[in-house]
């Protein structure tokens, strides 16, 4: 399993994928959720265009994990 970086021009997510066909398919619903506020402001759907799909670096994985730990801590 490989952790992959899937990104539009403005947002990104990390997904665990077993092969090269999975990252985009797994990442796009997560990216769609990140664009919820923009859809609300614009009053219409926003297409998700994954421009970058590649293995994530160790620094990206560390930042991703740190962000989710801090977010979980703040919700308590």
PDB file of N, CA and C in Angstrom:
ATOM      1  N   UNK A   1       0.849  -1.169   0.000  1.00  0.00           N
ATOM      2  CA  UNK A   1       0.000   0.000   0.000  1.00  0.00           C
ATOM      3  C   UNK A   1       0.899   1.237   0.000  1.00  0.00           C
ATOM      4  N   UNK A   2       0.524   2.221  -0.785  1.00  0.00           N
ATOM      5  CA  UNK A   2       1.280   3.464  -0.919  1.00  0.00           C
ATOM      6  C   UNK A   2       0.390   4.638  -0.539  1.00  0.00           C
ATOM      7  N   UNK A   3       0.933   5.574   0.226  1.00  0.00           N
ATOM      8  CA  UNK A   3       0.209   6.807   0.528  1.00  0.00           C
ATOM      9  C   UNK A   3       0.461   7.773  -0.611  1.00  0.00           C
ATOM     10  N   UNK A   4      -0.627   8.280  -1.192  1.00  0.00           N
ATOM     11  CA  UNK A   4      -0.520   9.156  -2.361  1.00  0.00           C
ATOM     12  C   UNK A   4      -1.075  10.546  -2.068  1.00  0.00           C
ATOM     13  N   UNK A   5      -0.471  11.521  -2.702  1.00  0.00           N
ATOM     14  CA  UNK A   5      -0.853  12.927  -2.656  1.00  0.00           C
ATOM     15  C   UNK A   5      -1.746  13.165  -3.871  1.00  0.00           C
ATOM     16  N   UNK A   6      -2.976  13.607  -3.629  1.00  0.00           N
ATOM     17  CA  UNK A   6      -3.922  13.897  -4.711  1.00  0.00           C
ATOM     18  C   UNK A   6      -4.346  15.349  -4.535  1.00  0.00           C
ATOM     19  N   UNK A   7      -4.148  16.183  -5.559  1.00  0.00           N
ATOM     20  CA  UNK A   7      -4.369  17.611  -5.381  1.00  0.00           C
ATOM     21  C   UNK A   7      -5.021  18.275  -6.583  1.00  0.00           C
ATOM     22  N   UNK A   8      -5.856  19.274  -6.258  1.00  0.00           N
ATOM     23  CA  UNK A   8      -6.339  20.230  -7.247  1.00  0.00           C
ATOM     24  C   UNK A   8      -5.357  21.405  -7.184  1.00  0.00           C
ATOM     25  N   UNK A   9      -5.699  22.516  -7.789  1.00  0.00           N
ATOM     26  CA  UNK A   9      -4.826  23.687  -7.679  1.00  0.00           C
ATOM     27  C   UNK A   9      -4.823  24.271  -6.266  1.00  0.00           C
ATOM     28  N   UNK A  10      -5.911  24.060  -5.492  1.00  0.00           N
ATOM     29  CA  UNK A  10      -6.033  24.731  -4.206  1.00  0.00           C
ATOM     30  C   UNK A  10      -6.105  23.810  -2.991  1.00  0.00           C
ATOM     31  N   UNK A  11      -6.427  22.560  -3.159  1.00  0.00           N
ATOM     32  CA  UNK A  11      -6.610  21.638  -2.038  1.00  0.00           C
ATOM     33  C   UNK A  11      -5.868  20.336  -2.315  1.00  0.00           C
ATOM     34  N   UNK A  12      -5.571  19.615  -1.235  1.00  0.00           N
ATOM     35  CA  UNK A  12      -4.965  18.298  -1.418  1.00  0.00           C
ATOM     36  C   UNK A  12      -5.420  17.351  -0.313  1.00  0.00           C
ATOM     37  N   UNK A  13      -5.318  16.066  -0.592  1.00  0.00           N
ATOM     38  CA  UNK A  13      -5.595  15.012   0.379  1.00  0.00           C
ATOM     39  C   UNK A  13      -4.542  13.921   0.203  1.00  0.00           C
ATOM     40  N   UNK A  14      -4.407  13.099   1.227  1.00  0.00           N
ATOM     41  CA  UNK A  14      -3.557  11.921   1.137  1.00  0.00           C
ATOM     42  C   UNK A  14      -4.454  10.700   1.226  1.00  0.00           C
ATOM     43  N   UNK A  15      -4.195   9.721   0.389  1.00  0.00           N
ATOM     44  CA  UNK A  15      -4.971   8.481   0.387  1.00  0.00           C
ATOM     45  C   UNK A  15      -4.018   7.292   0.327  1.00  0.00           C
ATOM     46  N   UNK A  16      -4.438   6.196   0.932  1.00  0.00           N
ATOM     47  CA  UNK A  16      -3.689   4.952   0.846  1.00  0.00           C
ATOM     48  C   UNK A  16      -4.247   4.137  -0.307  1.00  0.00           C
ATOM     49  N   UNK A  17      -3.385   3.769  -1.223  1.00  0.00           N
ATOM     50  CA  UNK A  17      -3.821   3.069  -2.435  1.00  0.00           C
ATOM     51  C   UNK A  17      -3.007   1.801  -2.645  1.00  0.00           C
ATOM     52  N   UNK A  18      -3.672   0.800  -3.155  1.00  0.00           N
ATOM     53  CA  UNK A  18      -3.010  -0.472  -3.436  1.00  0.00           C
ATOM     54  C   UNK A  18      -2.397  -0.514  -4.831  1.00  0.00           C
ATOM     55  N   UNK A  19      -2.918   0.309  -5.746  1.00  0.00           N
ATOM     56  CA  UNK A  19      -2.356   0.335  -7.095  1.00  0.00           C
ATOM     57  C   UNK A  19      -2.520   1.731  -7.678  1.00  0.00           C
ATOM     58  N   UNK A  20      -2.029   1.923  -8.880  1.00  0.00           N
ATOM     59  CA  UNK A  20      -2.000   3.265  -9.482  1.00  0.00           C
ATOM     60  C   UNK A  20      -3.355   3.784  -9.928  1.00  0.00           C
ATOM     61  N   UNK A  21      -4.372   2.928  -9.973  1.00  0.00           N
ATOM     62  CA  UNK A  21      -5.697   3.384 -10.394  1.00  0.00           C
ATOM     63  C   UNK A  21      -6.521   3.923  -9.231  1.00  0.00           C
ATOM     64  N   UNK A  22      -6.152   3.627  -8.007  1.00  0.00           N
ATOM     65  CA  UNK A  22      -6.961   4.002  -6.854  1.00  0.00           C
ATOM     66  C   UNK A  22      -6.832   5.435  -6.356  1.00  0.00           C
ATOM     67  N   UNK A  23      -5.672   6.069  -6.374  1.00  0.00           N
ATOM     68  CA  UNK A  23      -5.555   7.386  -5.726  1.00  0.00           C
ATOM     69  C   UNK A  23      -6.571   8.416  -6.194  1.00  0.00           C
ATOM     70  N   UNK A  24      -6.723   8.569  -7.478  1.00  0.00           N
ATOM     71  CA  UNK A  24      -7.670   9.572  -7.996  1.00  0.00           C
ATOM     72  C   UNK A  24      -9.099   9.213  -7.588  1.00  0.00           C
ATOM     73  N   UNK A  25      -9.456   7.945  -7.705  1.00  0.00           N
ATOM     74  CA  UNK A  25     -10.815   7.499  -7.373  1.00  0.00           C
ATOM     75  C   UNK A  25     -11.103   7.686  -5.881  1.00  0.00           C
ATOM     76  N   UNK A  26     -10.129   7.415  -5.031  1.00  0.00           N
ATOM     77  CA  UNK A  26     -10.314   7.573  -3.591  1.00  0.00           C
ATOM     78  C   UNK A  26     -10.219   9.034  -3.154  1.00  0.00           C
ATOM     79  N   UNK A  27      -9.389   9.809  -3.819  1.00  0.00           N
ATOM     80  CA  UNK A  27      -9.167  11.189  -3.422  1.00  0.00           C
ATOM     81  C   UNK A  27     -10.246  12.159  -3.834  1.00  0.00           C
ATOM     82  N   UNK A  28     -10.871  11.937  -4.965  1.00  0.00           N
ATOM     83  CA  UNK A  28     -11.844  12.917  -5.457  1.00  0.00           C
ATOM     84  C   UNK A  28     -13.046  13.111  -4.528  1.00  0.00           C
ATOM     85  N   UNK A  29     -13.622  12.073  -3.909  1.00  0.00           N
ATOM     86  CA  UNK A  29     -14.713  12.343  -2.953  1.00  0.00           C
ATOM     87  C   UNK A  29     -14.236  13.146  -1.737  1.00  0.00           C
ATOM     88  N   UNK A  30     -13.011  12.917  -1.298  1.00  0.00           N
ATOM     89  CA  UNK A  30     -12.469  13.679  -0.181  1.00  0.00           C
ATOM     90  C   UNK A  30     -12.258  15.135  -0.581  1.00  0.00           C
ATOM     91  N   UNK A  31     -11.758  15.356  -1.784  1.00  0.00           N
ATOM     92  CA  UNK A  31     -11.588  16.723  -2.278  1.00  0.00           C
ATOM     93  C   UNK A  31     -12.940  17.406  -2.447  1.00  0.00           C
ATOM     94  N   UNK A  32     -13.923  16.663  -2.917  1.00  0.00           N
ATOM     95  CA  UNK A  32     -15.270  17.221  -3.080  1.00  0.00           C
ATOM     96  C   UNK A  32     -15.776  17.773  -1.738  1.00  0.00           C
ATOM     97  N   UNK A  33     -15.537  17.040  -0.655  1.00  0.00           N
ATOM     98  CA  UNK A  33     -15.954  17.499   0.667  1.00  0.00           C
ATOM     99  C   UNK A  33     -15.240  18.784   1.064  1.00  0.00           C
ATOM    100  N   UNK A  34     -13.971  18.932   0.693  1.00  0.00           N
ATOM    101  CA  UNK A  34     -13.222  20.135   1.026  1.00  0.00           C
ATOM    102  C   UNK A  34     -13.764  21.373   0.309  1.00  0.00           C
ATOM    103  N   UNK A  35     -14.419  21.176  -0.800  1.00  0.00           N
ATOM    104  CA  UNK A  35     -14.961  22.298  -1.574  1.00  0.00           C
ATOM    105  C   UNK A  35     -16.402  22.642  -1.194  1.00  0.00           C
ATOM    106  N   UNK A  36     -16.911  22.073  -0.099  1.00  0.00           N
ATOM    107  CA  UNK A  36     -18.292  22.323   0.308  1.00  0.00           C
ATOM    108  C   UNK A  36     -18.563  23.806   0.539  1.00  0.00           C
ATOM    109  N   UNK A  37     -17.663  24.511   1.218  1.00  0.00           N
ATOM    110  CA  UNK A  37     -17.882  25.933   1.479  1.00  0.00           C
ATOM    111  C   UNK A  37     -17.914  26.748   0.195  1.00  0.00           C
ATOM    112  N   UNK A  38     -17.081  26.389  -0.774  1.00  0.00           N
ATOM    113  CA  UNK A  38     -17.079  27.117  -2.045  1.00  0.00           C
ATOM    114  C   UNK A  38     -18.385  26.893  -2.806  1.00  0.00           C
ATOM    115  N   UNK A  39     -18.876  25.661  -2.787  1.00  0.00           N
ATOM    116  CA  UNK A  39     -20.165  25.395  -3.442  1.00  0.00           C
ATOM    117  C   UNK A  39     -21.267  26.226  -2.802  1.00  0.00           C
ATOM    118  N   UNK A  40     -21.228  26.363  -1.472  1.00  0.00           N
ATOM    119  CA  UNK A  40     -22.228  27.166  -0.774  1.00  0.00           C
ATOM    120  C   UNK A  40     -22.149  28.635  -1.155  1.00  0.00           C
ATOM    121  N   UNK A  41     -20.938  29.166  -1.234  1.00  0.00           N
ATOM    122  CA  UNK A  41     -20.772  30.584  -1.594  1.00  0.00           C
ATOM    123  C   UNK A  41     -21.189  30.862  -3.025  1.00  0.00           C
ATOM    124  N   UNK A  42     -20.856  29.928  -3.916  1.00  0.00           N
ATOM    125  CA  UNK A  42     -21.157  30.137  -5.332  1.00  0.00           C
ATOM    126  C   UNK A  42     -22.580  29.730  -5.696  1.00  0.00           C
ATOM    127  N   UNK A  43     -23.176  28.879  -4.870  1.00  0.00           N
ATOM    128  CA  UNK A  43     -24.518  28.412  -5.160  1.00  0.00           C
ATOM    129  C   UNK A  43     -24.587  27.428  -6.320  1.00  0.00           C
ATOM    130  N   UNK A  44     -23.488  26.752  -6.565  1.00  0.00           N
ATOM    131  CA  UNK A  44     -23.458  25.765  -7.655  1.00  0.00           C
ATOM    132  C   UNK A  44     -22.360  24.751  -7.380  1.00  0.00           C
ATOM    133  N   UNK A  45     -22.376  23.676  -8.138  1.00  0.00           N
ATOM    134  CA  UNK A  45     -21.367  22.646  -7.993  1.00  0.00           C
ATOM    135  C   UNK A  45     -20.018  23.142  -8.520  1.00  0.00           C
ATOM    136  N   UNK A  46     -18.961  22.620  -7.965  1.00  0.00           N
ATOM    137  CA  UNK A  46     -17.609  22.972  -8.376  1.00  0.00           C
ATOM    138  C   UNK A  46     -16.934  21.688  -8.871  1.00  0.00           C
ATOM    139  N   UNK A  47     -16.502  21.653 -10.125  1.00  0.00           N
ATOM    140  CA  UNK A  47     -15.845  20.441 -10.613  1.00  0.00           C
ATOM    141  C   UNK A  47     -14.522  20.195  -9.898  1.00  0.00           C
ATOM    142  N   UNK A  48     -14.231  18.937  -9.638  1.00  0.00           N
ATOM    143  CA  UNK A  48     -12.974  18.555  -9.006  1.00  0.00           C
ATOM    144  C   UNK A  48     -12.032  18.057 -10.094  1.00  0.00           C
ATOM    145  N   UNK A  49     -10.929  18.770 -10.266  1.00  0.00           N
ATOM    146  CA  UNK A  49      -9.942  18.421 -11.272  1.00  0.00           C
ATOM    147  C   UNK A  49      -8.633  18.080 -10.571  1.00  0.00           C
ATOM    148  N   UNK A  50      -8.409  16.800 -10.347  1.00  0.00           N
ATOM    149  CA  UNK A  50      -7.172  16.355  -9.689  1.00  0.00           C
ATOM    150  C   UNK A  50      -6.022  16.522 -10.671  1.00  0.00           C
ATOM    151  N   UNK A  51      -5.198  17.503 -10.420  1.00  0.00           N
ATOM    152  CA  UNK A  51      -4.097  17.805 -11.332  1.00  0.00           C
ATOM    153  C   UNK A  51      -2.814  17.086 -10.970  1.00  0.00           C
ATOM    154  N   UNK A  52      -2.679  16.727  -9.702  1.00  0.00           N
ATOM    155  CA  UNK A  52      -1.470  16.053  -9.255  1.00  0.00           C
ATOM    156  C   UNK A  52      -1.848  14.776  -8.527  1.00  0.00           C
ATOM    157  N   UNK A  53      -1.275  13.667  -8.935  1.00  0.00           N
ATOM    158  CA  UNK A  53      -1.434  12.388  -8.267  1.00  0.00           C
ATOM    159  C   UNK A  53      -0.066  11.732  -8.267  1.00  0.00           C
ATOM    160  N   UNK A  54       0.490  11.557  -7.051  1.00  0.00           N
ATOM    161  CA  UNK A  54       1.837  10.992  -6.942  1.00  0.00           C
ATOM    162  C   UNK A  54       2.024  10.457  -5.526  1.00  0.00           C
ATOM    163  N   UNK A  55       3.063   9.651  -5.313  1.00  0.00           N
ATOM    164  CA  UNK A  55       3.348   9.213  -3.947  1.00  0.00           C
ATOM    165  C   UNK A  55       3.632  10.423  -3.050  1.00  0.00           C
ATOM    166  N   UNK A  56       3.118  10.379  -1.837  1.00  0.00           N
ATOM    167  CA  UNK A  56       3.331  11.463  -0.877  1.00  0.00           C
ATOM    168  C   UNK A  56       4.743  11.372  -0.297  1.00  0.00           C
ATOM    169  N   UNK A  57       5.314  12.529   0.009  1.00  0.00           N
ATOM    170  CA  UNK A  57       6.623  12.557   0.661  1.00  0.00           C
ATOM    171  C   UNK A  57       6.439  12.344   2.167  1.00  0.00           C
ATOM    172  N   UNK A  58       7.516  12.021   2.850  1.00  0.00           N
ATOM    173  CA  UNK A  58       7.457  11.867   4.309  1.00  0.00           C
ATOM    174  C   UNK A  58       7.022  13.158   4.986  1.00  0.00           C
ATOM    175  N   UNK A  59       7.503  14.305   4.501  1.00  0.00           N
ATOM    176  CA  UNK A  59       7.108  15.593   5.073  1.00  0.00           C
ATOM    177  C   UNK A  59       5.610  15.839   4.902  1.00  0.00           C
ATOM    178  N   UNK A  60       5.061  15.499   3.755  1.00  0.00           N
ATOM    179  CA  UNK A  60       3.619  15.677   3.526  1.00  0.00           C
ATOM    180  C   UNK A  60       2.813  14.774   4.456  1.00  0.00           C
ATOM    181  N   UNK A  61       3.275  13.547   4.651  1.00  0.00           N
ATOM    182  CA  UNK A  61       2.566  12.636   5.557  1.00  0.00           C
ATOM    183  C   UNK A  61       2.647  13.127   6.998  1.00  0.00           C
ATOM    184  N   UNK A  62       3.817  13.633   7.407  1.00  0.00           N
ATOM    185  CA  UNK A  62       3.964  14.173   8.763  1.00  0.00           C
ATOM    186  C   UNK A  62       3.040  15.369   8.983  1.00  0.00           C
ATOM    187  N   UNK A  63       2.990  16.286   8.018  1.00  0.00           N
ATOM    188  CA  UNK A  63       2.122  17.456   8.128  1.00  0.00           C
ATOM    189  C   UNK A  63       0.655  17.045   8.167  1.00  0.00           C
ATOM    190  N   UNK A  64       0.276  16.097   7.333  1.00  0.00           N
ATOM    191  CA  UNK A  64      -1.099  15.597   7.288  1.00  0.00           C
ATOM    192  C   UNK A  64      -1.494  15.031   8.652  1.00  0.00           C
ATOM    193  N   UNK A  65      -0.632  14.185   9.219  1.00  0.00           N
ATOM    194  CA  UNK A  65      -0.920  13.575  10.522  1.00  0.00           C
ATOM    195  C   UNK A  65      -0.988  14.629  11.623  1.00  0.00           C
ATOM    196  N   UNK A  66      -0.058  15.580  11.623  1.00  0.00           N
ATOM    197  CA  UNK A  66      -0.055  16.645  12.617  1.00  0.00           C
ATOM    198  C   UNK A  66      -1.344  17.458  12.533  1.00  0.00           C
ATOM    199  N   UNK A  67      -1.736  17.822  11.328  1.00  0.00           N
ATOM    200  CA  UNK A  67      -2.953  18.615  11.140  1.00  0.00           C
ATOM    201  C   UNK A  67      -4.170  17.884  11.710  1.00  0.00           C
ATOM    202  N   UNK A  68      -4.300  16.598  11.427  1.00  0.00           N
ATOM    203  CA  UNK A  68      -5.462  15.849  11.903  1.00  0.00           C
ATOM    204  C   UNK A  68      -5.412  15.631  13.414  1.00  0.00           C
ATOM    205  N   UNK A  69      -4.227  15.504  13.996  1.00  0.00           N
ATOM    206  CA  UNK A  69      -4.109  15.401  15.449  1.00  0.00           C
ATOM    207  C   UNK A  69      -4.541  16.705  16.115  1.00  0.00           C
ATOM    208  N   UNK A  70      -4.080  17.837  15.590  1.00  0.00           N
ATOM    209  CA  UNK A  70      -4.444  19.145  16.152  1.00  0.00           C
ATOM    210  C   UNK A  70      -5.943  19.390  16.006  1.00  0.00           C
ATOM    211  N   UNK A  71      -6.483  19.075  14.849  1.00  0.00           N
ATOM    212  CA  UNK A  71      -7.916  19.268  14.616  1.00  0.00           C
ATOM    213  C   UNK A  71      -8.739  18.423  15.590  1.00  0.00           C
ATOM    214  N   UNK A  72      -8.346  17.172  15.785  1.00  0.00           N
ATOM    215  CA  UNK A  72      -9.055  16.298  16.720  1.00  0.00           C
ATOM    216  C   UNK A  72      -8.950  16.832  18.152  1.00  0.00           C
ATOM    217  N   UNK A  73      -7.784  17.331  18.513  1.00  0.00           N
ATOM    218  CA  UNK A  73      -7.584  17.876  19.855  1.00  0.00           C
ATOM    219  C   UNK A  73      -8.461  19.117  20.086  1.00  0.00           C
ATOM    220  N   UNK A  74      -8.574  19.981  19.076  1.00  0.00           N
ATOM    221  CA  UNK A  74      -9.371  21.198  19.213  1.00  0.00           C
ATOM    222  C   UNK A  74     -10.862  20.896  19.313  1.00  0.00           C
ATOM    223  N   UNK A  75     -11.311  19.786  18.772  1.00  0.00           N
ATOM    224  CA  UNK A  75     -12.729  19.429  18.830  1.00  0.00           C
ATOM    225  C   UNK A  75     -13.149  18.948  20.220  1.00  0.00           C
ATOM    226  N   UNK A  76     -12.183  18.545  21.030  1.00  0.00           N
ATOM    227  CA  UNK A  76     -12.500  18.033  22.373  1.00  0.00           C
ATOM    228  C   UNK A  76     -12.960  19.101  23.292  1.00  0.00           C
TER     229      UNK A  76
END
